[in-house]
Amino acid sequence: MKEFDIDNWNRKTQFEFFKTYEDPFFNITANIEVTNLYNFCKKNNLSFSLACIYVALKSMNEIEAFRLRIKNNKVVVFEKVHIGSTILNEDNTFSFCYYRQSSSIFKFDKSGKEVIENHKKGIVFKPKEEMLDLVHCSTLPWISFTGIKHARKGDEAKKGIPKIIFGKLFEENQIKKIPFSVEVSHALMDGYHVALLFNKMQQVINDLK
């Protein structure tokens, strides 16, 4: 992590404008085509849910805006960010698992399955709220939603951590799709950057062979 040079940032004006907002977050939800990802997971015995997380995390790490955070009222940038995701417990409550960025989908699947297995051996509800180099992730596998609102404590604007959610897989005209929600701080990025994320994720999926 290092301090980000906002004086030479083309978004300095936008940052200064939105940083004082009580709620500077905006949310965009759209469907992603995942037929190729689904088939790739079936072919290689990979977890589809972990694969979705991998695609999102890989893409976010390739976009500087998604690695920006706010610390002590200053913008900082991380070389890499990782991800914390909800996981459903057997009693239908949830807890959290944390996954580090991996160099390949196969390594991410292997380490992710190990994380989940170890988590099941000693489940605790322990959100790592102090960590800034995370993206907060959740899944709603029961609903093909078209929009969503997050619960907020009130101090999130001082951090600017992105939140993403995957919805229920569905099929339309023989094409598999999944709803994907992205919520980010307008102080750190704009709709352009979110659109860039959707495009990068789609490209990562399409390139799988």
C-alpha atoms as a PDB file:
ATOM      1  CA  MET A   1       0.000   0.000   0.000  1.00  0.00           C
ATOM      2  CA  LYS A   2       1.182   3.495  -0.804  1.00  0.00           C
ATOM      3  CA  GLU A   3      -0.314   6.968  -0.855  1.00  0.00           C
ATOM      4  CA  PHE A   4      -1.955   7.803  -4.171  1.00  0.00           C
ATOM      5  CA  ASP A   5      -0.948  11.019  -5.938  1.00  0.00           C
ATOM      6  CA  ILE A   6      -4.267  12.834  -6.173  1.00  0.00           C
ATOM      7  CA  ASP A   7      -2.645  16.100  -7.333  1.00  0.00           C
ATOM      8  CA  ASN A   8      -1.910  14.483 -10.698  1.00  0.00           C
ATOM      9  CA  TRP A   9      -5.144  12.490 -10.771  1.00  0.00           C
ATOM     10  CA  ASN A  10      -7.590  13.366 -13.523  1.00  0.00           C
ATOM     11  CA  ARG A  11     -10.408  12.658 -11.038  1.00  0.00           C
ATOM     12  CA  LYS A  12      -9.176  14.979  -8.264  1.00  0.00           C
ATOM     13  CA  THR A  13     -12.168  17.296  -8.731  1.00  0.00           C
ATOM     14  CA  GLN A  14     -14.633  14.405  -8.566  1.00  0.00           C
ATOM     15  CA  PHE A  15     -12.888  12.976  -5.484  1.00  0.00           C
ATOM     16  CA  GLU A  16     -13.024  16.301  -3.669  1.00  0.00           C
ATOM     17  CA  PHE A  17     -16.712  16.613  -4.570  1.00  0.00           C
ATOM     18  CA  PHE A  18     -17.892  13.162  -3.476  1.00  0.00           C
ATOM     19  CA  LYS A  19     -15.590  12.533  -0.486  1.00  0.00           C
ATOM     20  CA  THR A  20     -17.812  14.622   1.806  1.00  0.00           C
ATOM     21  CA  TYR A  21     -21.007  12.758   0.925  1.00  0.00           C
ATOM     22  CA  GLU A  22     -22.679  10.848   3.735  1.00  0.00           C
ATOM     23  CA  ASP A  23     -23.386   8.072   1.226  1.00  0.00           C
ATOM     24  CA  PRO A  24     -21.106   8.363  -1.830  1.00  0.00           C
ATOM     25  CA  PHE A  25     -21.801   4.811  -3.035  1.00  0.00           C
ATOM     26  CA  PHE A  26     -23.563   3.924  -6.261  1.00  0.00           C
ATOM     27  CA  ASN A  27     -24.687   0.512  -7.456  1.00  0.00           C
ATOM     28  CA  ILE A  28     -24.875  -1.003 -10.933  1.00  0.00           C
ATOM     29  CA  THR A  29     -26.428  -4.408 -11.599  1.00  0.00           C
ATOM     30  CA  ALA A  30     -26.345  -6.267 -14.903  1.00  0.00           C
ATOM     31  CA  ASN A  31     -26.215  -9.827 -16.217  1.00  0.00           C
ATOM     32  CA  ILE A  32     -22.975 -11.506 -17.257  1.00  0.00           C
ATOM     33  CA  GLU A  33     -22.913 -14.313 -19.816  1.00  0.00           C
ATOM     34  CA  VAL A  34     -21.307 -17.317 -18.140  1.00  0.00           C
ATOM     35  CA  THR A  35     -21.980 -20.259 -20.475  1.00  0.00           C
ATOM     36  CA  ASN A  36     -18.290 -20.660 -21.247  1.00  0.00           C
ATOM     37  CA  LEU A  37     -17.333 -20.352 -17.580  1.00  0.00           C
ATOM     38  CA  TYR A  38     -19.972 -22.898 -16.551  1.00  0.00           C
ATOM     39  CA  ASN A  39     -18.844 -25.401 -19.194  1.00  0.00           C
ATOM     40  CA  PHE A  40     -15.176 -24.816 -18.334  1.00  0.00           C
ATOM     41  CA  CYS A  41     -15.880 -25.573 -14.663  1.00  0.00           C
ATOM     42  CA  LYS A  42     -17.787 -28.742 -15.539  1.00  0.00           C
ATOM     43  CA  LYS A  43     -14.989 -29.900 -17.839  1.00  0.00           C
ATOM     44  CA  ASN A  44     -12.246 -29.277 -15.274  1.00  0.00           C
ATOM     45  CA  ASN A  45     -14.134 -30.161 -12.062  1.00  0.00           C
ATOM     46  CA  LEU A  46     -13.918 -26.611 -10.727  1.00  0.00           C
ATOM     47  CA  SER A  47     -16.274 -24.891  -8.315  1.00  0.00           C
ATOM     48  CA  PHE A  48     -18.504 -22.558 -10.310  1.00  0.00           C
ATOM     49  CA  SER A  49     -18.980 -20.164  -7.378  1.00  0.00           C
ATOM     50  CA  LEU A  50     -15.228 -19.940  -6.764  1.00  0.00           C
ATOM     51  CA  ALA A  51     -14.687 -19.461 -10.499  1.00  0.00           C
ATOM     52  CA  CYS A  52     -17.058 -16.479 -10.486  1.00  0.00           C
ATOM     53  CA  ILE A  53     -15.137 -14.952  -7.594  1.00  0.00           C
ATOM     54  CA  TYR A  54     -11.835 -15.582  -9.380  1.00  0.00           C
ATOM     55  CA  VAL A  55     -13.037 -13.839 -12.543  1.00  0.00           C
ATOM     56  CA  ALA A  56     -14.209 -10.805 -10.568  1.00  0.00           C
ATOM     57  CA  LEU A  57     -11.056 -10.583  -8.451  1.00  0.00           C
ATOM     58  CA  LYS A  58      -8.694 -11.004 -11.399  1.00  0.00           C
ATOM     59  CA  SER A  59     -10.527  -8.287 -13.305  1.00  0.00           C
ATOM     60  CA  MET A  60     -10.640  -5.863 -10.382  1.00  0.00           C
ATOM     61  CA  ASN A  61      -6.912  -6.244  -9.815  1.00  0.00           C
ATOM     62  CA  GLU A  62      -6.342  -5.179 -13.420  1.00  0.00           C
ATOM     63  CA  ILE A  63      -8.241  -1.906 -12.867  1.00  0.00           C
ATOM     64  CA  GLU A  64      -6.438   0.613 -10.663  1.00  0.00           C
ATOM     65  CA  ALA A  65      -9.666   2.255  -9.476  1.00  0.00           C
ATOM     66  CA  PHE A  66     -10.700  -0.984  -7.748  1.00  0.00           C
ATOM     67  CA  ARG A  67      -7.438  -1.014  -5.817  1.00  0.00           C
ATOM     68  CA  LEU A  68      -7.938   2.480  -4.407  1.00  0.00           C
ATOM     69  CA  ARG A  69      -9.082   2.987  -0.823  1.00  0.00           C
ATOM     70  CA  ILE A  70      -9.374   5.847   1.646  1.00  0.00           C
ATOM     71  CA  LYS A  71      -7.273   5.780   4.812  1.00  0.00           C
ATOM     72  CA  ASN A  72      -7.096   8.662   7.285  1.00  0.00           C
ATOM     73  CA  ASN A  73      -8.828  10.896   4.700  1.00  0.00           C
ATOM     74  CA  LYS A  74      -6.120  10.172   2.122  1.00  0.00           C
ATOM     75  CA  VAL A  75      -6.345   8.009  -1.003  1.00  0.00           C
ATOM     76  CA  VAL A  76      -4.088   4.952  -0.996  1.00  0.00           C
ATOM     77  CA  VAL A  77      -3.496   2.327  -3.658  1.00  0.00           C
ATOM     78  CA  PHE A  78      -2.788  -1.377  -3.123  1.00  0.00           C
ATOM     79  CA  GLU A  79      -0.629  -3.442  -5.455  1.00  0.00           C
ATOM     80  CA  LYS A  80      -3.143  -6.273  -5.058  1.00  0.00           C
ATOM     81  CA  VAL A  81      -6.503  -6.688  -3.389  1.00  0.00           C
ATOM     82  CA  HIS A  82      -8.068  -9.889  -2.145  1.00  0.00           C
ATOM     83  CA  ILE A  83     -11.649 -10.873  -1.389  1.00  0.00           C
ATOM     84  CA  GLY A  84     -13.860 -11.784   1.525  1.00  0.00           C
ATOM     85  CA  SER A  85     -17.060 -13.640   0.696  1.00  0.00           C
ATOM     86  CA  THR A  86     -20.071 -14.877   2.585  1.00  0.00           C
ATOM     87  CA  ILE A  87     -20.508 -18.635   2.861  1.00  0.00           C
ATOM     88  CA  LEU A  88     -23.732 -20.429   3.753  1.00  0.00           C
ATOM     89  CA  ASN A  89     -23.644 -22.541   6.903  1.00  0.00           C
ATOM     90  CA  GLU A  90     -25.620 -25.739   7.359  1.00  0.00           C
ATOM     91  CA  ASP A  91     -28.178 -23.963   9.559  1.00  0.00           C
ATOM     92  CA  ASN A  92     -28.773 -21.349   6.810  1.00  0.00           C
ATOM     93  CA  THR A  93     -26.875 -18.635   8.670  1.00  0.00           C
ATOM     94  CA  PHE A  94     -23.756 -17.255   7.032  1.00  0.00           C
ATOM     95  CA  SER A  95     -20.158 -16.524   7.904  1.00  0.00           C
ATOM     96  CA  PHE A  96     -17.118 -15.331   5.974  1.00  0.00           C
ATOM     97  CA  CYS A  97     -14.251 -16.886   4.040  1.00  0.00           C
ATOM     98  CA  TYR A  98     -11.246 -14.961   2.740  1.00  0.00           C
ATOM     99  CA  TYR A  99      -9.473 -15.726  -0.519  1.00  0.00           C
ATOM    100  CA  ARG A 100      -6.181 -14.357  -1.775  1.00  0.00           C
ATOM    101  CA  GLN A 101      -5.546 -13.430  -5.383  1.00  0.00           C
ATOM    102  CA  SER A 102      -4.090 -16.355  -7.388  1.00  0.00           C
ATOM    103  CA  SER A 103      -2.219 -16.470 -10.677  1.00  0.00           C
ATOM    104  CA  SER A 104      -4.636 -18.970 -12.261  1.00  0.00           C
ATOM    105  CA  ILE A 105      -8.189 -20.195 -11.924  1.00  0.00           C
ATOM    106  CA  PHE A 106      -6.880 -23.668 -11.051  1.00  0.00           C
ATOM    107  CA  LYS A 107      -4.738 -22.371  -8.159  1.00  0.00           C
ATOM    108  CA  PHE A 108      -7.601 -20.209  -6.928  1.00  0.00           C
ATOM    109  CA  ASP A 109      -9.981 -23.185  -7.008  1.00  0.00           C
ATOM    110  CA  LYS A 110      -7.535 -25.388  -5.098  1.00  0.00           C
ATOM    111  CA  SER A 111      -6.753 -22.816  -2.399  1.00  0.00           C
ATOM    112  CA  GLY A 112     -10.395 -21.712  -2.219  1.00  0.00           C
ATOM    113  CA  LYS A 113     -11.617 -25.249  -1.566  1.00  0.00           C
ATOM    114  CA  GLU A 114      -8.970 -25.593   1.167  1.00  0.00           C
ATOM    115  CA  VAL A 115     -10.148 -22.341   2.761  1.00  0.00           C
ATOM    116  CA  ILE A 116     -13.763 -23.547   2.764  1.00  0.00           C
ATOM    117  CA  GLU A 117     -12.833 -26.959   4.150  1.00  0.00           C
ATOM    118  CA  ASN A 118     -10.783 -25.426   6.967  1.00  0.00           C
ATOM    119  CA  HIS A 119     -13.564 -22.954   7.676  1.00  0.00           C
ATOM    120  CA  LYS A 120     -16.072 -25.782   8.141  1.00  0.00           C
ATOM    121  CA  LYS A 121     -13.846 -27.287  10.851  1.00  0.00           C
ATOM    122  CA  GLY A 122     -14.156 -24.212  13.042  1.00  0.00           C
ATOM    123  CA  ILE A 123     -16.872 -21.851  11.858  1.00  0.00           C
ATOM    124  CA  VAL A 124     -16.757 -18.404  13.424  1.00  0.00           C
ATOM    125  CA  PHE A 125     -18.552 -15.208  12.480  1.00  0.00           C
ATOM    126  CA  LYS A 126     -15.517 -12.940  12.205  1.00  0.00           C
ATOM    127  CA  PRO A 127     -15.712 -10.163   9.601  1.00  0.00           C
ATOM    128  CA  LYS A 128     -12.320  -8.548   8.973  1.00  0.00           C
ATOM    129  CA  GLU A 129     -13.677  -5.022   8.920  1.00  0.00           C
ATOM    130  CA  GLU A 130     -10.285  -3.458   9.580  1.00  0.00           C
ATOM    131  CA  MET A 131      -8.764  -4.759   6.341  1.00  0.00           C
ATOM    132  CA  LEU A 132      -8.757  -2.289   3.453  1.00  0.00           C
ATOM    133  CA  ASP A 133      -7.138  -4.519   0.817  1.00  0.00           C
ATOM    134  CA  LEU A 134     -10.336  -6.538   0.474  1.00  0.00           C
ATOM    135  CA  VAL A 135     -13.363  -6.545  -1.766  1.00  0.00           C
ATOM    136  CA  HIS A 136     -16.556  -7.576   0.015  1.00  0.00           C
ATOM    137  CA  CYS A 137     -18.428 -10.303  -1.863  1.00  0.00           C
ATOM    138  CA  SER A 138     -21.691 -12.131  -1.350  1.00  0.00           C
ATOM    139  CA  THR A 139     -23.925 -14.519  -3.285  1.00  0.00           C
ATOM    140  CA  LEU A 140     -27.698 -14.811  -3.549  1.00  0.00           C
ATOM    141  CA  PRO A 141     -28.039 -18.125  -5.407  1.00  0.00           C
ATOM    142  CA  TRP A 142     -31.817 -18.155  -4.901  1.00  0.00           C
ATOM    143  CA  ILE A 143     -32.674 -14.926  -6.750  1.00  0.00           C
ATOM    144  CA  SER A 144     -31.950 -13.619 -10.246  1.00  0.00           C
ATOM    145  CA  PHE A 145     -32.143 -10.090  -8.918  1.00  0.00           C
ATOM    146  CA  THR A 146     -32.139  -6.872 -10.927  1.00  0.00           C
ATOM    147  CA  GLY A 147     -31.027  -4.566  -8.110  1.00  0.00           C
ATOM    148  CA  ILE A 148     -29.925  -4.667  -4.489  1.00  0.00           C
ATOM    149  CA  LYS A 149     -29.188  -2.463  -1.479  1.00  0.00           C
ATOM    150  CA  HIS A 150     -26.437  -3.158   1.052  1.00  0.00           C
ATOM    151  CA  ALA A 151     -26.601  -2.828   4.825  1.00  0.00           C
ATOM    152  CA  ARG A 152     -24.385   0.041   6.005  1.00  0.00           C
ATOM    153  CA  LYS A 153     -22.806   0.892   9.394  1.00  0.00           C
ATOM    154  CA  GLY A 154     -22.075   4.491   8.491  1.00  0.00           C
ATOM    155  CA  ASP A 155     -18.260   4.523   8.380  1.00  0.00           C
ATOM    156  CA  GLU A 156     -17.886   2.934   4.929  1.00  0.00           C
ATOM    157  CA  ALA A 157     -17.454   6.274   3.163  1.00  0.00           C
ATOM    158  CA  LYS A 158     -14.167   6.697   5.040  1.00  0.00           C
ATOM    159  CA  LYS A 159     -12.831   3.472   3.463  1.00  0.00           C
ATOM    160  CA  GLY A 160     -14.364   3.119  -0.016  1.00  0.00           C
ATOM    161  CA  ILE A 161     -14.322  -0.689  -0.136  1.00  0.00           C
ATOM    162  CA  PRO A 162     -16.201  -2.130  -3.157  1.00  0.00           C
ATOM    163  CA  LYS A 163     -19.005  -4.618  -2.604  1.00  0.00           C
ATOM    164  CA  ILE A 164     -20.050  -7.198  -5.196  1.00  0.00           C
ATOM    165  CA  ILE A 165     -22.848  -9.775  -5.273  1.00  0.00           C
ATOM    166  CA  PHE A 166     -23.558 -12.710  -7.592  1.00  0.00           C
ATOM    167  CA  GLY A 167     -27.155 -13.854  -8.042  1.00  0.00           C
ATOM    168  CA  LYS A 168     -28.919 -16.987  -9.277  1.00  0.00           C
ATOM    169  CA  LEU A 169     -27.690 -18.647 -12.446  1.00  0.00           C
ATOM    170  CA  PHE A 170     -30.367 -18.700 -15.128  1.00  0.00           C
ATOM    171  CA  GLU A 171     -30.701 -19.538 -18.816  1.00  0.00           C
ATOM    172  CA  GLU A 172     -32.039 -17.288 -21.565  1.00  0.00           C
ATOM    173  CA  ASN A 173     -32.112 -18.357 -25.224  1.00  0.00           C
ATOM    174  CA  GLN A 174     -29.753 -21.239 -24.352  1.00  0.00           C
ATOM    175  CA  ILE A 175     -27.234 -18.793 -22.881  1.00  0.00           C
ATOM    176  CA  LYS A 176     -26.364 -19.075 -19.190  1.00  0.00           C
ATOM    177  CA  LYS A 177     -26.305 -15.784 -17.320  1.00  0.00           C
ATOM    178  CA  ILE A 178     -25.789 -14.583 -13.784  1.00  0.00           C
ATOM    179  CA  PRO A 179     -26.816 -11.268 -12.173  1.00  0.00           C
ATOM    180  CA  PHE A 180     -23.826  -9.305 -10.904  1.00  0.00           C
ATOM    181  CA  SER A 181     -24.058  -6.263  -8.631  1.00  0.00           C
ATOM    182  CA  VAL A 182     -21.210  -3.793  -8.110  1.00  0.00           C
ATOM    183  CA  GLU A 183     -21.342  -1.085  -5.444  1.00  0.00           C
ATOM    184  CA  VAL A 184     -18.470   1.399  -5.250  1.00  0.00           C
ATOM    185  CA  SER A 185     -17.599   4.820  -3.895  1.00  0.00           C
ATOM    186  CA  HIS A 186     -18.152   7.659  -6.357  1.00  0.00           C
ATOM    187  CA  ALA A 187     -15.233   9.418  -4.665  1.00  0.00           C
ATOM    188  CA  LEU A 188     -12.887   6.750  -6.066  1.00  0.00           C
ATOM    189  CA  MET A 189     -14.452   5.851  -9.404  1.00  0.00           C
ATOM    190  CA  ASP A 190     -17.239   6.469 -11.884  1.00  0.00           C
ATOM    191  CA  GLY A 191     -19.626   4.444 -14.034  1.00  0.00           C
ATOM    192  CA  TYR A 192     -16.892   4.143 -16.661  1.00  0.00           C
ATOM    193  CA  HIS A 193     -14.751   2.067 -14.294  1.00  0.00           C
ATOM    194  CA  VAL A 194     -17.642  -0.222 -13.371  1.00  0.00           C
ATOM    195  CA  ALA A 195     -18.403  -0.741 -17.063  1.00  0.00           C
ATOM    196  CA  LEU A 196     -14.727  -1.552 -17.552  1.00  0.00           C
ATOM    197  CA  LEU A 197     -15.026  -4.226 -14.867  1.00  0.00           C
ATOM    198  CA  PHE A 198     -18.038  -5.837 -16.571  1.00  0.00           C
ATOM    199  CA  ASN A 199     -16.173  -5.840 -19.900  1.00  0.00           C
ATOM    200  CA  LYS A 200     -12.993  -7.311 -18.394  1.00  0.00           C
ATOM    201  CA  MET A 201     -14.910 -10.043 -16.615  1.00  0.00           C
ATOM    202  CA  GLN A 202     -16.708 -10.968 -19.818  1.00  0.00           C
ATOM    203  CA  GLN A 203     -13.393 -11.083 -21.656  1.00  0.00           C
ATOM    204  CA  VAL A 204     -11.791 -13.321 -19.017  1.00  0.00           C
ATOM    205  CA  ILE A 205     -14.758 -15.695 -19.289  1.00  0.00           C
ATOM    206  CA  ASN A 206     -14.752 -15.695 -23.079  1.00  0.00           C
ATOM    207  CA  ASP A 207     -10.998 -16.426 -23.199  1.00  0.00           C
ATOM    208  CA  LEU A 208     -11.252 -19.631 -21.127  1.00  0.00           C
ATOM    209  CA  LYS A 209     -10.402 -22.719 -23.204  1.00  0.00           C
END
